[in-house]
Amino acid sequence: MAKVASENKIAERVKFWEEQDQINKEIIPRVIKNHELITDLSMQLDQNQRLIAKLVDEVEKNKDVLESTIRDGSKITDRRITKVSLASLIMATLAFIISMISLFI
C-alpha cells in the first residue's frame, strides 16, 4: 500500500512537472517576444523624445527668426514708404518746375 501511494505521489509530481514544462514551452517565447517589443518601444520612445526636443529647439529658432524678419520687414516697409514719398515729392517738384518753365517760354 505504501508502495502504491509512493508511486502515485511520484506520478503526480511527474504529471505536474510535465504540465509545467508544457506551460513554459508556450509562455517563454511570448515573454521573450514581449521583452523584445518593450525594448524596441523603449528605444523608439527615446528617439521620439530626442526628436521632439530637437523640433522644439527649431521652433524656437524659427520663432526668433520670424520675429526678426517681421521687425526688419517693417523697417524696410517704412523705408519704402519714405522712398515712395520722396519720389512723389521729386516728381511733383519736377512737374511744377516744368510747368513754370512752360509758362515762361
PDB file of N, CA and C in Angstrom:
ATOM      1  N   MET A   1       0.814  -1.185   0.000  1.00  0.00           N
ATOM      2  CA  MET A   1       0.000   0.000   0.000  1.00  0.00           C
ATOM      3  C   MET A   1       0.864   1.257   0.000  1.00  0.00           C
ATOM      4  N   ALA A   2       1.897   1.240   0.831  1.00  0.00           N
ATOM      5  CA  ALA A   2       2.795   2.382   0.899  1.00  0.00           C
ATOM      6  C   ALA A   2       3.510   2.564  -0.426  1.00  0.00           C
ATOM      7  N   LYS A   3       3.815   1.423  -1.074  1.00  0.00           N
ATOM      8  CA  LYS A   3       4.496   1.486  -2.358  1.00  0.00           C
ATOM      9  C   LYS A   3       3.593   2.118  -3.408  1.00  0.00           C
ATOM     10  N   VAL A   4       2.295   1.797  -3.401  1.00  0.00           N
ATOM     11  CA  VAL A   4       1.327   2.349  -4.353  1.00  0.00           C
ATOM     12  C   VAL A   4       1.153   3.839  -4.101  1.00  0.00           C
ATOM     13  N   ALA A   5       1.063   4.241  -2.845  1.00  0.00           N
ATOM     14  CA  ALA A   5       0.914   5.657  -2.503  1.00  0.00           C
ATOM     15  C   ALA A   5       2.151   6.432  -2.943  1.00  0.00           C
ATOM     16  N   SER A   6       3.319   5.840  -2.746  1.00  0.00           N
ATOM     17  CA  SER A   6       4.560   6.487  -3.156  1.00  0.00           C
ATOM     18  C   SER A   6       4.615   6.622  -4.671  1.00  0.00           C
ATOM     19  N   GLU A   7       4.180   5.579  -5.373  1.00  0.00           N
ATOM     20  CA  GLU A   7       4.165   5.628  -6.839  1.00  0.00           C
ATOM     21  C   GLU A   7       3.164   6.674  -7.332  1.00  0.00           C
ATOM     22  N   ASN A   8       2.018   6.786  -6.630  1.00  0.00           N
ATOM     23  CA  ASN A   8       1.025   7.800  -7.004  1.00  0.00           C
ATOM     24  C   ASN A   8       1.589   9.218  -6.821  1.00  0.00           C
ATOM     25  N   LYS A   9       2.312   9.415  -5.704  1.00  0.00           N
ATOM     26  CA  LYS A   9       2.916  10.728  -5.474  1.00  0.00           C
ATOM     27  C   LYS A   9       3.938  11.054  -6.562  1.00  0.00           C
ATOM     28  N   ILE A  10       4.741  10.074  -6.893  1.00  0.00           N
ATOM     29  CA  ILE A  10       5.743  10.283  -7.944  1.00  0.00           C
ATOM     30  C   ILE A  10       5.051  10.565  -9.277  1.00  0.00           C
ATOM     31  N   ALA A  11       3.993   9.814  -9.575  1.00  0.00           N
ATOM     32  CA  ALA A  11       3.258  10.019 -10.827  1.00  0.00           C
ATOM     33  C   ALA A  11       2.631  11.415 -10.860  1.00  0.00           C
ATOM     34  N   GLU A  12       2.093  11.852  -9.718  1.00  0.00           N
ATOM     35  CA  GLU A  12       1.507  13.200  -9.646  1.00  0.00           C
ATOM     36  C   GLU A  12       2.580  14.272  -9.866  1.00  0.00           C
ATOM     37  N   ARG A  13       3.745  14.067  -9.259  1.00  0.00           N
ATOM     38  CA  ARG A  13       4.837  15.031  -9.433  1.00  0.00           C
ATOM     39  C   ARG A  13       5.311  15.066 -10.890  1.00  0.00           C
ATOM     40  N   VAL A  14       5.434  13.898 -11.487  1.00  0.00           N
ATOM     41  CA  VAL A  14       5.854  13.835 -12.894  1.00  0.00           C
ATOM     42  C   VAL A  14       4.825  14.536 -13.770  1.00  0.00           C
ATOM     43  N   LYS A  15       3.541  14.265 -13.502  1.00  0.00           N
ATOM     44  CA  LYS A  15       2.473  14.909 -14.275  1.00  0.00           C
ATOM     45  C   LYS A  15       2.520  16.425 -14.081  1.00  0.00           C
ATOM     46  N   PHE A  16       2.725  16.862 -12.838  1.00  0.00           N
ATOM     47  CA  PHE A  16       2.799  18.295 -12.546  1.00  0.00           C
ATOM     48  C   PHE A  16       3.936  18.943 -13.337  1.00  0.00           C
ATOM     49  N   TRP A  17       5.135  18.325 -13.299  1.00  0.00           N
ATOM     50  CA  TRP A  17       6.286  18.915 -13.984  1.00  0.00           C
ATOM     51  C   TRP A  17       6.150  18.836 -15.505  1.00  0.00           C
ATOM     52  N   GLU A  18       5.459  17.830 -15.990  1.00  0.00           N
ATOM     53  CA  GLU A  18       5.190  17.764 -17.432  1.00  0.00           C
ATOM     54  C   GLU A  18       4.262  18.908 -17.848  1.00  0.00           C
ATOM     55  N   GLU A  19       3.245  19.171 -17.007  1.00  0.00           N
ATOM     56  CA  GLU A  19       2.336  20.290 -17.284  1.00  0.00           C
ATOM     57  C   GLU A  19       3.090  21.622 -17.213  1.00  0.00           C
ATOM     58  N   GLN A  20       3.955  21.748 -16.199  1.00  0.00           N
ATOM     59  CA  GLN A  20       4.752  22.970 -16.077  1.00  0.00           C
ATOM     60  C   GLN A  20       5.661  23.165 -17.295  1.00  0.00           C
ATOM     61  N   ASP A  21       6.244  22.058 -17.757  1.00  0.00           N
ATOM     62  CA  ASP A  21       7.111  22.122 -18.929  1.00  0.00           C
ATOM     63  C   ASP A  21       6.317  22.566 -20.160  1.00  0.00           C
ATOM     64  N   GLN A  22       5.122  22.037 -20.319  1.00  0.00           N
ATOM     65  CA  GLN A  22       4.261  22.420 -21.449  1.00  0.00           C
ATOM     66  C   GLN A  22       3.890  23.909 -21.364  1.00  0.00           C
ATOM     67  N   ILE A  23       3.532  24.343 -20.163  1.00  0.00           N
ATOM     68  CA  ILE A  23       3.198  25.763 -19.964  1.00  0.00           C
ATOM     69  C   ILE A  23       4.411  26.638 -20.294  1.00  0.00           C
ATOM     70  N   ASN A  24       5.586  26.246 -19.804  1.00  0.00           N
ATOM     71  CA  ASN A  24       6.807  27.016 -20.067  1.00  0.00           C
ATOM     72  C   ASN A  24       7.125  27.086 -21.557  1.00  0.00           C
ATOM     73  N   LYS A  25       6.895  25.979 -22.273  1.00  0.00           N
ATOM     74  CA  LYS A  25       7.153  25.966 -23.715  1.00  0.00           C
ATOM     75  C   LYS A  25       6.271  26.976 -24.446  1.00  0.00           C
ATOM     76  N   GLU A  26       5.086  27.212 -23.927  1.00  0.00           N
ATOM     77  CA  GLU A  26       4.184  28.179 -24.554  1.00  0.00           C
ATOM     78  C   GLU A  26       4.447  29.603 -24.062  1.00  0.00           C
ATOM     79  N   ILE A  27       4.776  29.755 -22.799  1.00  0.00           N
ATOM     80  CA  ILE A  27       4.905  31.092 -22.215  1.00  0.00           C
ATOM     81  C   ILE A  27       6.262  31.735 -22.515  1.00  0.00           C
ATOM     82  N   ILE A  28       7.331  30.978 -22.440  1.00  0.00           N
ATOM     83  CA  ILE A  28       8.670  31.557 -22.585  1.00  0.00           C
ATOM     84  C   ILE A  28       8.843  32.293 -23.914  1.00  0.00           C
ATOM     85  N   PRO A  29       8.433  31.732 -25.060  1.00  0.00           N
ATOM     86  CA  PRO A  29       8.567  32.506 -26.307  1.00  0.00           C
ATOM     87  C   PRO A  29       7.766  33.814 -26.275  1.00  0.00           C
ATOM     88  N   ARG A  30       6.600  33.784 -25.641  1.00  0.00           N
ATOM     89  CA  ARG A  30       5.796  35.005 -25.519  1.00  0.00           C
ATOM     90  C   ARG A  30       6.510  36.042 -24.661  1.00  0.00           C
ATOM     91  N   VAL A  31       7.084  35.597 -23.557  1.00  0.00           N
ATOM     92  CA  VAL A  31       7.801  36.511 -22.665  1.00  0.00           C
ATOM     93  C   VAL A  31       8.996  37.126 -23.396  1.00  0.00           C
ATOM     94  N   ILE A  32       9.721  36.304 -24.144  1.00  0.00           N
ATOM     95  CA  ILE A  32      10.876  36.807 -24.900  1.00  0.00           C
ATOM     96  C   ILE A  32      10.420  37.814 -25.948  1.00  0.00           C
ATOM     97  N   LYS A  33       9.336  37.487 -26.668  1.00  0.00           N
ATOM     98  CA  LYS A  33       8.818  38.404 -27.692  1.00  0.00           C
ATOM     99  C   LYS A  33       8.373  39.720 -27.053  1.00  0.00           C
ATOM    100  N   ASN A  34       7.663  39.638 -25.931  1.00  0.00           N
ATOM    101  CA  ASN A  34       7.225  40.854 -25.231  1.00  0.00           C
ATOM    102  C   ASN A  34       8.422  41.684 -24.769  1.00  0.00           C
ATOM    103  N   HIS A  35       9.454  41.008 -24.287  1.00  0.00           N
ATOM    104  CA  HIS A  35      10.661  41.722 -23.862  1.00  0.00           C
ATOM    105  C   HIS A  35      11.278  42.466 -25.041  1.00  0.00           C
ATOM    106  N   GLU A  36      11.367  41.807 -26.193  1.00  0.00           N
ATOM    107  CA  GLU A  36      11.924  42.455 -27.388  1.00  0.00           C
ATOM    108  C   GLU A  36      11.060  43.639 -27.813  1.00  0.00           C
ATOM    109  N   LEU A  37       9.738  43.470 -27.760  1.00  0.00           N
ATOM    110  CA  LEU A  37       8.838  44.562 -28.127  1.00  0.00           C
ATOM    111  C   LEU A  37       8.997  45.750 -27.178  1.00  0.00           C
ATOM    112  N   ILE A  38       9.082  45.465 -25.895  1.00  0.00           N
ATOM    113  CA  ILE A  38       9.247  46.535 -24.906  1.00  0.00           C
ATOM    114  C   ILE A  38      10.582  47.249 -25.114  1.00  0.00           C
ATOM    115  N   THR A  39      11.629  46.487 -25.402  1.00  0.00           N
ATOM    116  CA  THR A  39      12.938  47.086 -25.664  1.00  0.00           C
ATOM    117  C   THR A  39      12.876  47.994 -26.888  1.00  0.00           C
ATOM    118  N   ASP A  40      12.257  47.504 -27.974  1.00  0.00           N
ATOM    119  CA  ASP A  40      12.117  48.315 -29.192  1.00  0.00           C
ATOM    120  C   ASP A  40      11.296  49.575 -28.925  1.00  0.00           C
ATOM    121  N   LEU A  41      10.196  49.426 -28.214  1.00  0.00           N
ATOM    122  CA  LEU A  41       9.356  50.586 -27.908  1.00  0.00           C
ATOM    123  C   LEU A  41      10.095  51.600 -27.040  1.00  0.00           C
ATOM    124  N   SER A  42      10.882  51.106 -26.122  1.00  0.00           N
ATOM    125  CA  SER A  42      11.669  51.995 -25.267  1.00  0.00           C
ATOM    126  C   SER A  42      12.674  52.787 -26.099  1.00  0.00           C
ATOM    127  N   MET A  43      13.326  52.121 -27.049  1.00  0.00           N
ATOM    128  CA  MET A  43      14.277  52.810 -27.926  1.00  0.00           C
ATOM    129  C   MET A  43      13.555  53.836 -28.798  1.00  0.00           C
ATOM    130  N   GLN A  44      12.390  53.467 -29.328  1.00  0.00           N
ATOM    131  CA  GLN A  44      11.616  54.398 -30.151  1.00  0.00           C
ATOM    132  C   GLN A  44      11.169  55.603 -29.326  1.00  0.00           C
ATOM    133  N   LEU A  45      10.760  55.364 -28.102  1.00  0.00           N
ATOM    134  CA  LEU A  45      10.344  56.458 -27.223  1.00  0.00           C
ATOM    135  C   LEU A  45      11.504  57.417 -26.984  1.00  0.00           C
ATOM    136  N   ASP A  46      12.677  56.864 -26.729  1.00  0.00           N
ATOM    137  CA  ASP A  46      13.857  57.699 -26.517  1.00  0.00           C
ATOM    138  C   ASP A  46      14.167  58.518 -27.769  1.00  0.00           C
ATOM    139  N   GLN A  47      14.104  57.876 -28.940  1.00  0.00           N
ATOM    140  CA  GLN A  47      14.359  58.594 -30.196  1.00  0.00           C
ATOM    141  C   GLN A  47      13.311  59.676 -30.418  1.00  0.00           C
ATOM    142  N   ASN A  48      12.059  59.363 -30.122  1.00  0.00           N
ATOM    143  CA  ASN A  48      10.988  60.348 -30.300  1.00  0.00           C
ATOM    144  C   ASN A  48      11.167  61.533 -29.354  1.00  0.00           C
ATOM    145  N   GLN A  49      11.580  61.264 -28.122  1.00  0.00           N
ATOM    146  CA  GLN A  49      11.803  62.355 -27.177  1.00  0.00           C
ATOM    147  C   GLN A  49      12.935  63.262 -27.651  1.00  0.00           C
ATOM    148  N   ARG A  50      13.993  62.652 -28.188  1.00  0.00           N
ATOM    149  CA  ARG A  50      15.098  63.459 -28.721  1.00  0.00           C
ATOM    150  C   ARG A  50      14.638  64.281 -29.921  1.00  0.00           C
ATOM    151  N   LEU A  51      13.850  63.651 -30.793  1.00  0.00           N
ATOM    152  CA  LEU A  51      13.345  64.355 -31.971  1.00  0.00           C
ATOM    153  C   LEU A  51      12.431  65.507 -31.563  1.00  0.00           C
ATOM    154  N   ILE A  52      11.576  65.269 -30.589  1.00  0.00           N
ATOM    155  CA  ILE A  52      10.673  66.324 -30.112  1.00  0.00           C
ATOM    156  C   ILE A  52      11.485  67.482 -29.533  1.00  0.00           C
ATOM    157  N   ALA A  53      12.509  67.174 -28.751  1.00  0.00           N
ATOM    158  CA  ALA A  53      13.352  68.232 -28.182  1.00  0.00           C
ATOM    159  C   ALA A  53      14.033  69.026 -29.293  1.00  0.00           C
ATOM    160  N   LYS A  54      14.515  68.325 -30.316  1.00  0.00           N
ATOM    161  CA  LYS A  54      15.161  68.996 -31.448  1.00  0.00           C
ATOM    162  C   LYS A  54      14.158  69.877 -32.184  1.00  0.00           C
ATOM    163  N   LEU A  55      12.946  69.368 -32.396  1.00  0.00           N
ATOM    164  CA  LEU A  55      11.923  70.144 -33.091  1.00  0.00           C
ATOM    165  C   LEU A  55      11.504  71.370 -32.285  1.00  0.00           C
ATOM    166  N   VAL A  56      11.428  71.222 -30.973  1.00  0.00           N
ATOM    167  CA  VAL A  56      11.086  72.369 -30.121  1.00  0.00           C
ATOM    168  C   VAL A  56      12.165  73.441 -30.248  1.00  0.00           C
ATOM    169  N   ASP A  57      13.433  73.017 -30.259  1.00  0.00           N
ATOM    170  CA  ASP A  57      14.526  73.981 -30.441  1.00  0.00           C
ATOM    171  C   ASP A  57      14.413  74.684 -31.789  1.00  0.00           C
ATOM    172  N   GLU A  58      14.110  73.912 -32.836  1.00  0.00           N
ATOM    173  CA  GLU A  58      13.969  74.509 -34.165  1.00  0.00           C
ATOM    174  C   GLU A  58      12.793  75.477 -34.209  1.00  0.00           C
ATOM    175  N   VAL A  59      11.703  75.133 -33.541  1.00  0.00           N
ATOM    176  CA  VAL A  59      10.546  76.034 -33.496  1.00  0.00           C
ATOM    177  C   VAL A  59      10.933  77.346 -32.821  1.00  0.00           C
ATOM    178  N   GLU A  60      11.669  77.255 -31.716  1.00  0.00           N
ATOM    179  CA  GLU A  60      12.106  78.465 -31.015  1.00  0.00           C
ATOM    180  C   GLU A  60      13.017  79.313 -31.910  1.00  0.00           C
ATOM    181  N   LYS A  61      13.946  78.652 -32.600  1.00  0.00           N
ATOM    182  CA  LYS A  61      14.835  79.390 -33.504  1.00  0.00           C
ATOM    183  C   LYS A  61      14.028  80.044 -34.621  1.00  0.00           C
ATOM    184  N   ASN A  62      13.095  79.288 -35.198  1.00  0.00           N
ATOM    185  CA  ASN A  62      12.265  79.835 -36.276  1.00  0.00           C
ATOM    186  C   ASN A  62      11.405  80.986 -35.783  1.00  0.00           C
ATOM    187  N   LYS A  63      10.942  80.876 -34.548  1.00  0.00           N
ATOM    188  CA  LYS A  63      10.141  81.955 -33.968  1.00  0.00           C
ATOM    189  C   LYS A  63      10.984  83.220 -33.850  1.00  0.00           C
ATOM    190  N   ASP A  64      12.226  83.059 -33.379  1.00  0.00           N
ATOM    191  CA  ASP A  64      13.127  84.212 -33.268  1.00  0.00           C
ATOM    192  C   ASP A  64      13.417  84.814 -34.642  1.00  0.00           C
ATOM    193  N   VAL A  65      13.666  83.941 -35.631  1.00  0.00           N
ATOM    194  CA  VAL A  65      13.935  84.424 -36.987  1.00  0.00           C
ATOM    195  C   VAL A  65      12.715  85.141 -37.540  1.00  0.00           C
ATOM    196  N   LEU A  66      11.534  84.592 -37.305  1.00  0.00           N
ATOM    197  CA  LEU A  66      10.303  85.214 -37.790  1.00  0.00           C
ATOM    198  C   LEU A  66      10.113  86.593 -37.170  1.00  0.00           C
ATOM    199  N   GLU A  67      10.307  86.687 -35.858  1.00  0.00           N
ATOM    200  CA  GLU A  67      10.162  87.982 -35.187  1.00  0.00           C
ATOM    201  C   GLU A  67      11.174  88.990 -35.730  1.00  0.00           C
ATOM    202  N   SER A  68      12.405  88.538 -35.946  1.00  0.00           N
ATOM    203  CA  SER A  68      13.436  89.413 -36.504  1.00  0.00           C
ATOM    204  C   SER A  68      13.068  89.842 -37.921  1.00  0.00           C
ATOM    205  N   THR A  69      12.559  88.909 -38.706  1.00  0.00           N
ATOM    206  CA  THR A  69      12.158  89.219 -40.079  1.00  0.00           C
ATOM    207  C   THR A  69      10.999  90.203 -40.093  1.00  0.00           C
ATOM    208  N   ILE A  70      10.071  90.033 -39.184  1.00  0.00           N
ATOM    209  CA  ILE A  70       8.933  90.962 -39.106  1.00  0.00           C
ATOM    210  C   ILE A  70       9.433  92.359 -38.749  1.00  0.00           C
ATOM    211  N   ARG A  71      10.365  92.437 -37.779  1.00  0.00           N
ATOM    212  CA  ARG A  71      10.927  93.748 -37.407  1.00  0.00           C
ATOM    213  C   ARG A  71      11.658  94.370 -38.594  1.00  0.00           C
ATOM    214  N   ASP A  72      12.493  93.560 -39.261  1.00  0.00           N
ATOM    215  CA  ASP A  72      13.234  94.070 -40.416  1.00  0.00           C
ATOM    216  C   ASP A  72      12.289  94.430 -41.552  1.00  0.00           C
ATOM    217  N   GLY A  73      11.245  93.639 -41.724  1.00  0.00           N
ATOM    218  CA  GLY A  73      10.258  93.914 -42.772  1.00  0.00           C
ATOM    219  C   GLY A  73       9.550  95.225 -42.539  1.00  0.00           C
ATOM    220  N   SER A  74       9.229  95.508 -41.283  1.00  0.00           N
ATOM    221  CA  SER A  74       8.558  96.782 -41.004  1.00  0.00           C
ATOM    222  C   SER A  74       9.516  97.944 -41.240  1.00  0.00           C
ATOM    223  N   LYS A  75      10.813  97.741 -40.957  1.00  0.00           N
ATOM    224  CA  LYS A  75      11.801  98.787 -41.242  1.00  0.00           C
ATOM    225  C   LYS A  75      11.903  99.012 -42.747  1.00  0.00           C
ATOM    226  N   ILE A  76      11.927  97.911 -43.501  1.00  0.00           N
ATOM    227  CA  ILE A  76      12.009  98.014 -44.961  1.00  0.00           C
ATOM    228  C   ILE A  76      10.767  98.704 -45.501  1.00  0.00           C
ATOM    229  N   THR A  77       9.610  98.342 -44.974  1.00  0.00           N
ATOM    230  CA  THR A  77       8.363  98.967 -45.412  1.00  0.00           C
ATOM    231  C   THR A  77       8.396 100.459 -45.114  1.00  0.00           C
ATOM    232  N   ASP A  78       8.885 100.827 -43.932  1.00  0.00           N
ATOM    233  CA  ASP A  78       8.999 102.246 -43.583  1.00  0.00           C
ATOM    234  C   ASP A  78       9.935 102.959 -44.552  1.00  0.00           C
ATOM    235  N   ARG A  79      11.045 102.305 -44.897  1.00  0.00           N
ATOM    236  CA  ARG A  79      11.993 102.900 -45.848  1.00  0.00           C
ATOM    237  C   ARG A  79      11.352 103.051 -47.221  1.00  0.00           C
ATOM    238  N   ARG A  80      10.595 102.031 -47.636  1.00  0.00           N
ATOM    239  CA  ARG A  80       9.931 102.094 -48.942  1.00  0.00           C
ATOM    240  C   ARG A  80       8.918 103.232 -48.974  1.00  0.00           C
ATOM    241  N   ILE A  81       8.183 103.355 -47.878  1.00  0.00           N
ATOM    242  CA  ILE A  81       7.195 104.441 -47.812  1.00  0.00           C
ATOM    243  C   ILE A  81       7.914 105.780 -47.911  1.00  0.00           C
ATOM    244  N   THR A  82       9.042 105.893 -47.199  1.00  0.00           N
ATOM    245  CA  THR A  82       9.818 107.131 -47.258  1.00  0.00           C
ATOM    246  C   THR A  82      10.326 107.363 -48.674  1.00  0.00           C
ATOM    247  N   LYS A  83      10.829 106.313 -49.323  1.00  0.00           N
ATOM    248  CA  LYS A  83      11.326 106.446 -50.688  1.00  0.00           C
ATOM    249  C   LYS A  83      10.205 106.811 -51.646  1.00  0.00           C
ATOM    250  N   VAL A  84       9.040 106.168 -51.477  1.00  0.00           N
ATOM    251  CA  VAL A  84       7.897 106.470 -52.338  1.00  0.00           C
ATOM    252  C   VAL A  84       7.462 107.907 -52.118  1.00  0.00           C
ATOM    253  N   SER A  85       7.417 108.330 -50.870  1.00  0.00           N
ATOM    254  CA  SER A  85       7.033 109.712 -50.571  1.00  0.00           C
ATOM    255  C   SER A  85       8.047 110.679 -51.159  1.00  0.00           C
ATOM    256  N   LEU A  86       9.320 110.354 -51.031  1.00  0.00           N
ATOM    257  CA  LEU A  86      10.373 111.196 -51.578  1.00  0.00           C
ATOM    258  C   LEU A  86      10.290 111.225 -53.099  1.00  0.00           C
ATOM    259  N   ALA A  87      10.047 110.074 -53.704  1.00  0.00           N
ATOM    260  CA  ALA A  87       9.916 110.017 -55.164  1.00  0.00           C
ATOM    261  C   ALA A  87       8.716 110.834 -55.618  1.00  0.00           C
ATOM    262  N   SER A  88       7.625 110.747 -54.900  1.00  0.00           N
ATOM    263  CA  SER A  88       6.439 111.533 -55.249  1.00  0.00           C
ATOM    264  C   SER A  88       6.732 113.022 -55.136  1.00  0.00           C
ATOM    265  N   LEU A  89       7.446 113.400 -54.101  1.00  0.00           N
ATOM    266  CA  LEU A  89       7.808 114.803 -53.907  1.00  0.00           C
ATOM    267  C   LEU A  89       8.701 115.295 -55.043  1.00  0.00           C
ATOM    268  N   ILE A  90       9.678 114.480 -55.419  1.00  0.00           N
ATOM    269  CA  ILE A  90      10.577 114.850 -56.521  1.00  0.00           C
ATOM    270  C   ILE A  90       9.797 114.992 -57.819  1.00  0.00           C
ATOM    271  N   MET A  91       8.905 114.037 -58.088  1.00  0.00           N
ATOM    272  CA  MET A  91       8.102 114.089 -59.320  1.00  0.00           C
ATOM    273  C   MET A  91       7.199 115.323 -59.320  1.00  0.00           C
ATOM    274  N   ALA A  92       6.610 115.615 -58.199  1.00  0.00           N
ATOM    275  CA  ALA A  92       5.739 116.795 -58.119  1.00  0.00           C
ATOM    276  C   ALA A  92       6.551 118.066 -58.322  1.00  0.00           C
ATOM    277  N   THR A  93       7.738 118.106 -57.748  1.00  0.00           N
ATOM    278  CA  THR A  93       8.605 119.274 -57.909  1.00  0.00           C
ATOM    279  C   THR A  93       9.020 119.435 -59.368  1.00  0.00           C
ATOM    280  N   LEU A  94       9.404 118.319 -59.999  1.00  0.00           N
ATOM    281  CA  LEU A  94       9.767 118.375 -61.414  1.00  0.00           C
ATOM    282  C   LEU A  94       8.588 118.833 -62.265  1.00  0.00           C
ATOM    283  N   ALA A  95       7.424 118.320 -61.977  1.00  0.00           N
ATOM    284  CA  ALA A  95       6.231 118.732 -62.730  1.00  0.00           C
ATOM    285  C   ALA A  95       5.980 120.219 -62.545  1.00  0.00           C
ATOM    286  N   PHE A  96       6.157 120.696 -61.344  1.00  0.00           N
ATOM    287  CA  PHE A  96       5.961 122.124 -61.067  1.00  0.00           C
ATOM    288  C   PHE A  96       6.983 122.962 -61.830  1.00  0.00           C
ATOM    289  N   ILE A  97       8.247 122.518 -61.793  1.00  0.00           N
ATOM    290  CA  ILE A  97       9.307 123.256 -62.491  1.00  0.00           C
ATOM    291  C   ILE A  97       9.039 123.275 -63.992  1.00  0.00           C
ATOM    292  N   ILE A  98       8.659 122.134 -64.541  1.00  0.00           N
ATOM    293  CA  ILE A  98       8.372 122.061 -65.981  1.00  0.00           C
ATOM    294  C   ILE A  98       7.194 122.962 -66.333  1.00  0.00           C
ATOM    295  N   SER A  99       6.181 122.944 -65.501  1.00  0.00           N
ATOM    296  CA  SER A  99       5.028 123.808 -65.786  1.00  0.00           C
ATOM    297  C   SER A  99       5.406 125.279 -65.694  1.00  0.00           C
ATOM    298  N   MET A 100       6.283 125.642 -64.784  1.00  0.00           N
ATOM    299  CA  MET A 100       6.731 127.028 -64.658  1.00  0.00           C
ATOM    300  C   MET A 100       7.568 127.428 -65.868  1.00  0.00           C
ATOM    301  N   ILE A 101       8.433 126.497 -66.297  1.00  0.00           N
ATOM    302  CA  ILE A 101       9.255 126.778 -67.474  1.00  0.00           C
ATOM    303  C   ILE A 101       8.372 126.963 -68.700  1.00  0.00           C
ATOM    304  N   SER A 102       7.366 126.106 -68.813  1.00  0.00           N
ATOM    305  CA  SER A 102       6.484 126.205 -69.981  1.00  0.00           C
ATOM    306  C   SER A 102       5.696 127.511 -69.969  1.00  0.00           C
ATOM    307  N   LEU A 103       5.437 128.068 -68.813  1.00  0.00           N
ATOM    308  CA  LEU A 103       4.734 129.346 -68.730  1.00  0.00           C
ATOM    309  C   LEU A 103       5.605 130.483 -69.253  1.00  0.00           C
ATOM    310  N   PHE A 104       6.883 130.389 -69.002  1.00  0.00           N
ATOM    311  CA  PHE A 104       7.780 131.469 -69.392  1.00  0.00           C
ATOM    312  C   PHE A 104       8.293 131.326 -70.816  1.00  0.00           C
ATOM    313  N   ILE A 105       8.097 130.206 -71.419  1.00  0.00           N
ATOM    314  CA  ILE A 105       8.575 130.042 -72.791  1.00  0.00           C
ATOM    315  C   ILE A 105       7.558 130.508 -73.773  1.00  0.00           C
TER     316      ILE A 105
END
